[in-house]
C-alpha atoms as a PDB file:
ATOM      1  CA  UNK A   1       4.893 -38.858  42.313  1.00  0.00           C
ATOM      2  CA  UNK A   2       7.755 -37.395  40.287  1.00  0.00           C
ATOM      3  CA  UNK A   3       7.112 -33.993  41.788  1.00  0.00           C
ATOM      4  CA  UNK A   4       7.470 -35.256  45.361  1.00  0.00           C
ATOM      5  CA  UNK A   5      10.620 -37.202  44.434  1.00  0.00           C
ATOM      6  CA  UNK A   6      12.194 -34.120  42.858  1.00  0.00           C
ATOM      7  CA  UNK A   7      11.236 -31.954  45.851  1.00  0.00           C
ATOM      8  CA  UNK A   8      12.692 -34.541  48.221  1.00  0.00           C
ATOM      9  CA  UNK A   9      15.953 -34.632  46.288  1.00  0.00           C
ATOM     10  CA  UNK A  10      16.123 -30.832  46.259  1.00  0.00           C
ATOM     11  CA  UNK A  11      15.544 -30.717  50.000  1.00  0.00           C
ATOM     12  CA  UNK A  12      18.259 -33.306  50.632  1.00  0.00           C
ATOM     13  CA  UNK A  13      20.640 -31.387  48.373  1.00  0.00           C
ATOM     14  CA  UNK A  14      19.977 -28.153  50.272  1.00  0.00           C
ATOM     15  CA  UNK A  15      20.462 -29.804  53.661  1.00  0.00           C
ATOM     16  CA  UNK A  16      23.712 -31.419  52.608  1.00  0.00           C
ATOM     17  CA  UNK A  17      25.002 -28.083  51.305  1.00  0.00           C
ATOM     18  CA  UNK A  18      24.536 -26.338  54.668  1.00  0.00           C
ATOM     19  CA  UNK A  19      27.585 -26.010  56.929  1.00  0.00           C
ATOM     20  CA  UNK A  20      27.780 -28.402  59.845  1.00  0.00           C
ATOM     21  CA  UNK A  21      26.517 -26.816  63.071  1.00  0.00           C
ATOM     22  CA  UNK A  22      28.946 -26.119  65.863  1.00  0.00           C
ATOM     23  CA  UNK A  23      32.208 -26.377  63.952  1.00  0.00           C
ATOM     24  CA  UNK A  24      35.070 -24.892  65.925  1.00  0.00           C
ATOM     25  CA  UNK A  25      37.019 -22.042  64.465  1.00  0.00           C
ATOM     26  CA  UNK A  26      40.122 -23.643  62.978  1.00  0.00           C
ATOM     27  CA  UNK A  27      42.206 -20.618  63.935  1.00  0.00           C
ATOM     28  CA  UNK A  28      41.437 -21.089  67.647  1.00  0.00           C
ATOM     29  CA  UNK A  29      44.455 -22.613  69.321  1.00  0.00           C
ATOM     30  CA  UNK A  30      43.999 -25.563  71.618  1.00  0.00           C
ATOM     31  CA  UNK A  31      44.976 -25.116  75.258  1.00  0.00           C
ATOM     32  CA  UNK A  32      48.366 -26.530  76.187  1.00  0.00           C
ATOM     33  CA  UNK A  33      50.277 -26.675  79.444  1.00  0.00           C
ATOM     34  CA  UNK A  34      53.392 -25.268  77.796  1.00  0.00           C
ATOM     35  CA  UNK A  35      51.540 -22.209  76.476  1.00  0.00           C
ATOM     36  CA  UNK A  36      49.745 -21.677  79.790  1.00  0.00           C
ATOM     37  CA  UNK A  37      53.056 -21.665  81.665  1.00  0.00           C
ATOM     38  CA  UNK A  38      54.784 -19.242  79.289  1.00  0.00           C
ATOM     39  CA  UNK A  39      53.356 -16.201  81.053  1.00  0.00           C
ATOM     40  CA  UNK A  40      54.349 -17.111  84.615  1.00  0.00           C
ATOM     41  CA  UNK A  41      57.105 -15.289  86.460  1.00  0.00           C
ATOM     42  CA  UNK A  42      57.358 -17.751  89.365  1.00  0.00           C
ATOM     43  CA  UNK A  43      56.530 -21.348  90.224  1.00  0.00           C
ATOM     44  CA  UNK A  44      52.765 -21.939  90.125  1.00  0.00           C
ATOM     45  CA  UNK A  45      50.271 -24.791  90.016  1.00  0.00           C
ATOM     46  CA  UNK A  46      47.317 -24.520  87.617  1.00  0.00           C
ATOM     47  CA  UNK A  47      44.450 -26.723  86.501  1.00  0.00           C
ATOM     48  CA  UNK A  48      45.094 -29.021  83.549  1.00  0.00           C
ATOM     49  CA  UNK A  49      42.370 -27.930  81.145  1.00  0.00           C
ATOM     50  CA  UNK A  50      42.991 -31.005  78.997  1.00  0.00           C
ATOM     51  CA  UNK A  51      41.942 -33.331  81.842  1.00  0.00           C
ATOM     52  CA  UNK A  52      38.170 -33.491  82.323  1.00  0.00           C
ATOM     53  CA  UNK A  53      38.612 -35.934  85.215  1.00  0.00           C
ATOM     54  CA  UNK A  54      40.570 -33.352  87.287  1.00  0.00           C
ATOM     55  CA  UNK A  55      43.029 -36.077  88.322  1.00  0.00           C
ATOM     56  CA  UNK A  56      46.045 -34.092  87.081  1.00  0.00           C
ATOM     57  CA  UNK A  57      47.383 -30.559  87.329  1.00  0.00           C
ATOM     58  CA  UNK A  58      50.152 -28.502  85.733  1.00  0.00           C
ATOM     59  CA  UNK A  59      53.266 -27.521  87.670  1.00  0.00           C
ATOM     60  CA  UNK A  60      54.855 -24.465  86.029  1.00  0.00           C
ATOM     61  CA  UNK A  61      58.390 -23.559  87.056  1.00  0.00           C
ATOM     62  CA  UNK A  62      61.316 -21.480  85.853  1.00  0.00           C
ATOM     63  CA  UNK A  63      64.849 -22.768  85.540  1.00  0.00           C
ATOM     64  CA  UNK A  64      67.768 -20.956  83.887  1.00  0.00           C
ATOM     65  CA  UNK A  65      65.399 -18.243  82.604  1.00  0.00           C
ATOM     66  CA  UNK A  66      63.231 -20.824  80.814  1.00  0.00           C
ATOM     67  CA  UNK A  67      59.691 -21.777  81.744  1.00  0.00           C
ATOM     68  CA  UNK A  68      58.696 -25.441  81.959  1.00  0.00           C
ATOM     69  CA  UNK A  69      55.406 -27.282  82.401  1.00  0.00           C
ATOM     70  CA  UNK A  70      55.062 -30.636  84.116  1.00  0.00           C
ATOM     71  CA  UNK A  71      51.819 -32.608  84.197  1.00  0.00           C
ATOM     72  CA  UNK A  72      51.497 -34.067  87.697  1.00  0.00           C
ATOM     73  CA  UNK A  73      48.915 -36.550  88.998  1.00  0.00           C
ATOM     74  CA  UNK A  74      46.941 -36.392  92.201  1.00  0.00           C
ATOM     75  CA  UNK A  75      47.007 -39.474  94.423  1.00  0.00           C
ATOM     76  CA  UNK A  76      44.497 -42.189  93.586  1.00  0.00           C
ATOM     77  CA  UNK A  77      40.985 -41.094  94.523  1.00  0.00           C
ATOM     78  CA  UNK A  78      41.909 -37.407  94.657  1.00  0.00           C
ATOM     79  CA  UNK A  79      41.060 -34.500  92.361  1.00  0.00           C
ATOM     80  CA  UNK A  80      42.758 -31.189  91.677  1.00  0.00           C
ATOM     81  CA  UNK A  81      40.814 -28.263  93.101  1.00  0.00           C
ATOM     82  CA  UNK A  82      41.706 -25.155  91.081  1.00  0.00           C
ATOM     83  CA  UNK A  83      40.346 -22.851  93.794  1.00  0.00           C
ATOM     84  CA  UNK A  84      42.503 -24.369  96.542  1.00  0.00           C
ATOM     85  CA  UNK A  85      45.491 -25.190  94.273  1.00  0.00           C
ATOM     86  CA  UNK A  86      45.810 -28.687  95.705  1.00  0.00           C
ATOM     87  CA  UNK A  87      44.518 -32.226  95.410  1.00  0.00           C
ATOM     88  CA  UNK A  88      41.562 -33.186  97.580  1.00  0.00           C
ATOM     89  CA  UNK A  89      39.131 -36.064  97.968  1.00  0.00           C
ATOM     90  CA  UNK A  90      36.251 -33.777  96.950  1.00  0.00           C
ATOM     91  CA  UNK A  91      35.509 -33.902  93.238  1.00  0.00           C
ATOM     92  CA  UNK A  92      35.086 -30.340  91.876  1.00  0.00           C
ATOM     93  CA  UNK A  93      31.914 -29.486  89.976  1.00  0.00           C
ATOM     94  CA  UNK A  94      32.312 -30.192  86.272  1.00  0.00           C
ATOM     95  CA  UNK A  95      34.820 -33.001  86.633  1.00  0.00           C
ATOM     96  CA  UNK A  96      34.017 -36.445  85.244  1.00  0.00           C
END
């Protein structure tokens, strides 16, 4: 009885000491509209990677030599299609 209790406690201790699976690398930067628009040299529209519903998009534009990012929304019932660069009633694959 004591042997099985000790083995169980050792097993639990080993499992608790293991790193959690699937932890993200803390040095990986999160996506942001501002960072995505920094590299543009003209006005562009891109997908908002922080929106899993695809109901918004990012409008990148340059004014006075500075780059800006605006989060814009599609009309109700529409989704941003990153291939067509516009909002449409068809929900793209992968959108919630």
